[in-house]
Amino acid sequence: MTTIVTFDIDWAPDWAIGLCHELCRSAGVPATFYATHQCDALDALLADPMIEVGVHPNFLAGSSHGEDTLSVLDHCRKLVPDAASMRTHGLHQSTLMFSAVMDHCPSIIADASLFLPGHPYLQPTLLHLGRSRPLVRLPYWWEDDIAACTPGCVWAPPAPRDGELRIYDFHPIHVALNMCSLDSYRSLK
């Protein structure tokens, strides 16, 4: 069984990102943080050898990352030049977008934009699109904001099975609010 802890930074304030970073460090848990913006907390994450920093590109209309796929990828490459992984904002996906990642972002080898909540026996898969290299797809198992709006959600998941991949996705603002529903987040917003 492999368990991976990830965080989608989603433009959270430094103090919320820093809280998640400190929680991981104090527990000795390596984690992947997907960056959306430049901030002091991002610099601290990049300096920590226990932390992987990937990118969280926003390909949606009106994005502050850029107006088209290549400008969004350029923004993300400037943010984390050596990012090895990504998760798209809003889980936006298309074969054209993945082809552009394969062609223009040689350091990105893995994508974790496929959410399969509670699905047993998740495994990495290779996506081949006729490019010089495949992209590793890492399906993820749980996400805090989705759990918060799922009726009857059990916040203590069942024990994983042998050979199972479990990737958990958190958002620093939701961790900082210690939320179990989206009401506190909506009130803050």
Protein backbone atom coordinates (compact mmCIF):
# COMPACT_ATOMS: atom_id res chain seq x y z
CA MET A 1 0.00 0.00 0.00
CA THR A 2 1.21 3.48 -0.85
CA THR A 3 -0.23 6.55 0.85
CA ILE A 4 0.52 10.02 -0.47
CA VAL A 5 -0.51 13.33 1.09
CA THR A 6 -1.06 16.27 -1.27
CA PHE A 7 -2.20 19.87 -0.93
CA ASP A 8 -3.69 22.13 -3.61
CA ILE A 9 -2.48 25.56 -2.49
CA ASP A 10 -5.32 27.35 -4.35
CA TRP A 11 -4.12 30.91 -3.60
CA ALA A 12 -4.31 30.32 0.17
CA PRO A 13 -2.64 32.84 2.47
CA ASP A 14 0.91 32.13 3.64
CA TRP A 15 -0.18 31.36 7.20
CA ALA A 16 -2.51 28.56 6.04
CA ILE A 17 0.11 27.06 3.72
CA GLY A 18 2.70 27.35 6.50
CA LEU A 19 0.38 25.56 8.93
CA CYS A 20 0.06 22.58 6.57
CA HIS A 21 3.81 22.58 5.97
CA GLU A 22 4.48 22.55 9.73
CA LEU A 23 1.92 19.77 10.32
CA CYS A 24 3.74 17.61 7.76
CA ARG A 25 7.18 18.44 9.15
CA SER A 26 6.21 17.80 12.78
CA ALA A 27 4.63 14.44 11.84
CA GLY A 28 7.58 13.49 9.60
CA VAL A 29 5.22 13.08 6.64
CA PRO A 30 6.53 13.90 3.17
CA ALA A 31 3.95 15.65 1.01
CA THR A 32 3.36 17.18 -2.38
CA PHE A 33 2.12 20.78 -2.54
CA TYR A 34 0.64 21.94 -5.86
CA ALA A 35 1.47 25.62 -6.32
CA THR A 36 -0.80 28.26 -7.84
CA HIS A 37 1.05 31.47 -6.99
CA GLN A 38 4.33 32.97 -5.82
CA CYS A 39 4.51 33.63 -2.07
CA ASP A 40 6.89 33.36 0.87
CA ALA A 41 5.33 30.03 1.90
CA LEU A 42 6.15 28.62 -1.55
CA ASP A 43 9.81 29.56 -1.05
CA ALA A 44 9.81 27.66 2.27
CA LEU A 45 8.26 24.60 0.60
CA LEU A 46 10.81 24.65 -2.21
CA ALA A 47 13.64 24.72 0.37
CA ASP A 48 12.35 21.66 2.28
CA PRO A 49 13.75 18.31 1.05
CA MET A 50 10.73 16.43 2.51
CA ILE A 51 8.36 18.38 0.28
CA GLU A 52 7.75 17.98 -3.42
CA VAL A 53 6.35 21.08 -5.10
CA GLY A 54 4.31 20.52 -8.21
CA VAL A 55 2.12 22.93 -10.13
CA HIS A 56 -1.64 23.47 -10.06
CA PRO A 57 -2.31 25.07 -13.45
CA ASN A 58 -5.62 26.85 -13.97
CA PHE A 59 -6.73 26.25 -17.56
CA LEU A 60 -10.25 27.55 -16.90
CA ALA A 61 -11.63 30.67 -18.63
CA GLY A 62 -10.58 33.91 -16.94
CA SER A 63 -7.54 32.31 -15.30
CA SER A 64 -4.87 34.52 -13.79
CA HIS A 65 -2.38 31.93 -15.12
CA GLY A 66 -2.93 32.82 -18.78
CA GLU A 67 -5.36 33.02 -21.65
CA ASP A 68 -4.46 29.77 -23.39
CA THR A 69 -2.84 26.42 -22.65
CA LEU A 70 0.73 27.43 -23.49
CA SER A 71 0.60 30.70 -21.51
CA VAL A 72 -0.75 28.79 -18.48
CA LEU A 73 2.08 26.25 -18.79
CA ASP A 74 4.64 29.06 -19.14
CA HIS A 75 3.28 30.69 -15.97
CA CYS A 76 3.60 27.41 -14.07
CA ARG A 77 7.12 26.74 -15.39
CA LYS A 78 8.20 30.14 -14.07
CA LEU A 79 6.57 29.39 -10.72
CA VAL A 80 8.21 25.96 -10.22
CA PRO A 81 10.73 25.42 -13.05
CA ASP A 82 11.58 21.82 -12.11
CA ALA A 83 8.09 20.64 -11.16
CA ALA A 84 7.79 16.88 -11.70
CA SER A 85 4.04 16.67 -11.10
CA MET A 86 0.83 18.57 -11.56
CA ARG A 87 -2.85 18.55 -10.68
CA THR A 88 -5.05 20.83 -12.76
CA HIS A 89 -7.30 23.34 -11.04
CA GLY A 90 -10.90 22.19 -11.23
CA LEU A 91 -9.56 18.88 -12.57
CA HIS A 92 -9.74 20.34 -16.07
CA GLN A 93 -8.42 17.78 -18.55
CA SER A 94 -8.19 17.19 -22.26
CA THR A 95 -5.94 15.23 -24.56
CA LEU A 96 -4.81 18.50 -26.19
CA MET A 97 -3.81 19.91 -22.79
CA PHE A 98 -1.91 16.73 -21.84
CA SER A 99 -0.17 16.76 -25.24
CA ALA A 100 0.97 20.34 -24.59
CA VAL A 101 2.33 19.31 -21.17
CA MET A 102 4.25 16.42 -22.75
CA ASP A 103 5.66 18.69 -25.47
CA HIS A 104 6.44 21.85 -23.49
CA CYS A 105 7.08 20.78 -19.88
CA PRO A 106 9.77 18.08 -19.95
CA SER A 107 10.17 18.04 -16.15
CA ILE A 108 6.50 17.14 -15.55
CA ILE A 109 6.31 13.37 -15.58
CA ALA A 110 3.15 12.80 -13.50
CA ASP A 111 -0.39 14.13 -13.35
CA ALA A 112 -2.77 13.67 -10.39
CA SER A 113 -5.91 15.20 -11.94
CA LEU A 114 -8.01 12.05 -11.96
CA PHE A 115 -10.31 11.84 -8.92
CA LEU A 116 -11.84 8.42 -8.20
CA PRO A 117 -13.27 8.77 -4.69
CA GLY A 118 -13.07 5.63 -2.59
CA HIS A 119 -12.23 3.43 -5.58
CA PRO A 120 -10.34 0.29 -4.51
CA TYR A 121 -6.96 -0.74 -5.88
CA LEU A 122 -6.01 2.46 -7.66
CA GLN A 123 -2.74 2.21 -9.58
CA PRO A 124 -0.57 4.56 -11.63
CA THR A 125 -1.17 4.28 -15.37
CA LEU A 126 0.70 5.57 -18.40
CA LEU A 127 -0.96 7.95 -20.84
CA HIS A 128 0.48 7.69 -24.35
CA LEU A 129 -0.59 10.33 -26.85
CA GLY A 130 1.92 9.73 -29.64
CA ARG A 131 4.47 12.02 -28.01
CA SER A 132 8.11 11.25 -27.26
CA ARG A 133 7.15 10.20 -23.74
CA PRO A 134 4.12 9.10 -21.75
CA LEU A 135 2.66 10.90 -18.76
CA VAL A 136 2.12 8.95 -15.54
CA ARG A 137 -1.48 9.36 -14.34
CA LEU A 138 -1.89 9.08 -10.57
CA PRO A 139 -5.56 8.70 -9.65
CA TYR A 140 -6.41 10.09 -6.26
CA TRP A 141 -8.73 8.65 -3.66
CA TRP A 142 -9.96 11.43 -1.33
CA GLU A 143 -10.38 15.22 -1.31
CA ASP A 144 -11.34 17.36 1.70
CA ASP A 145 -13.78 19.75 0.02
CA ILE A 146 -15.56 16.91 -1.78
CA ALA A 147 -15.77 14.90 1.46
CA ALA A 148 -17.23 17.97 3.18
CA CYS A 149 -20.21 17.99 0.82
CA THR A 150 -20.69 14.22 0.61
CA PRO A 151 -23.66 13.03 2.69
CA GLY A 152 -22.59 10.52 5.34
CA CYS A 153 -18.90 11.04 4.70
CA VAL A 154 -16.70 9.04 7.05
CA TRP A 155 -13.68 11.19 7.89
CA ALA A 156 -11.77 8.17 9.19
CA PRO A 157 -11.42 6.01 6.06
CA PRO A 158 -11.21 2.23 6.19
CA ALA A 159 -7.78 0.66 6.37
CA PRO A 160 -6.13 0.39 2.96
CA ARG A 161 -5.71 -2.98 1.29
CA ASP A 162 -2.39 -4.45 0.21
CA GLY A 163 -1.23 -3.00 -3.08
CA GLU A 164 -3.66 -0.08 -2.94
CA LEU A 165 -2.63 3.46 -3.90
CA ARG A 166 -4.19 6.11 -1.66
CA ILE A 167 -3.62 9.74 -2.55
CA TYR A 168 -5.30 12.24 -0.24
CA ASP A 169 -5.84 15.84 -1.36
CA PHE A 170 -6.19 18.70 1.12
CA HIS A 171 -6.52 22.47 0.73
CA PRO A 172 -4.62 24.65 3.23
CA ILE A 173 -7.58 26.93 3.89
CA HIS A 174 -9.82 23.98 4.77
CA VAL A 175 -7.15 22.49 7.04
CA ALA A 176 -6.66 25.86 8.76
CA LEU A 177 -10.42 26.15 9.32
CA ASN A 178 -10.51 22.53 10.60
CA MET A 179 -13.69 22.11 8.61
CA CYS A 180 -15.94 19.12 8.21
CA SER A 181 -18.47 21.00 6.10
CA LEU A 182 -18.18 23.84 3.61
CA ASP A 183 -20.26 26.18 5.79
CA SER A 184 -17.25 27.67 7.62
CA TYR A 185 -15.42 28.23 4.34
CA ARG A 186 -18.46 29.86 2.73
CA SER A 187 -18.85 32.11 5.78
CA LEU A 188 -15.20 33.18 5.55
CA LYS A 189 -15.46 33.80 1.83
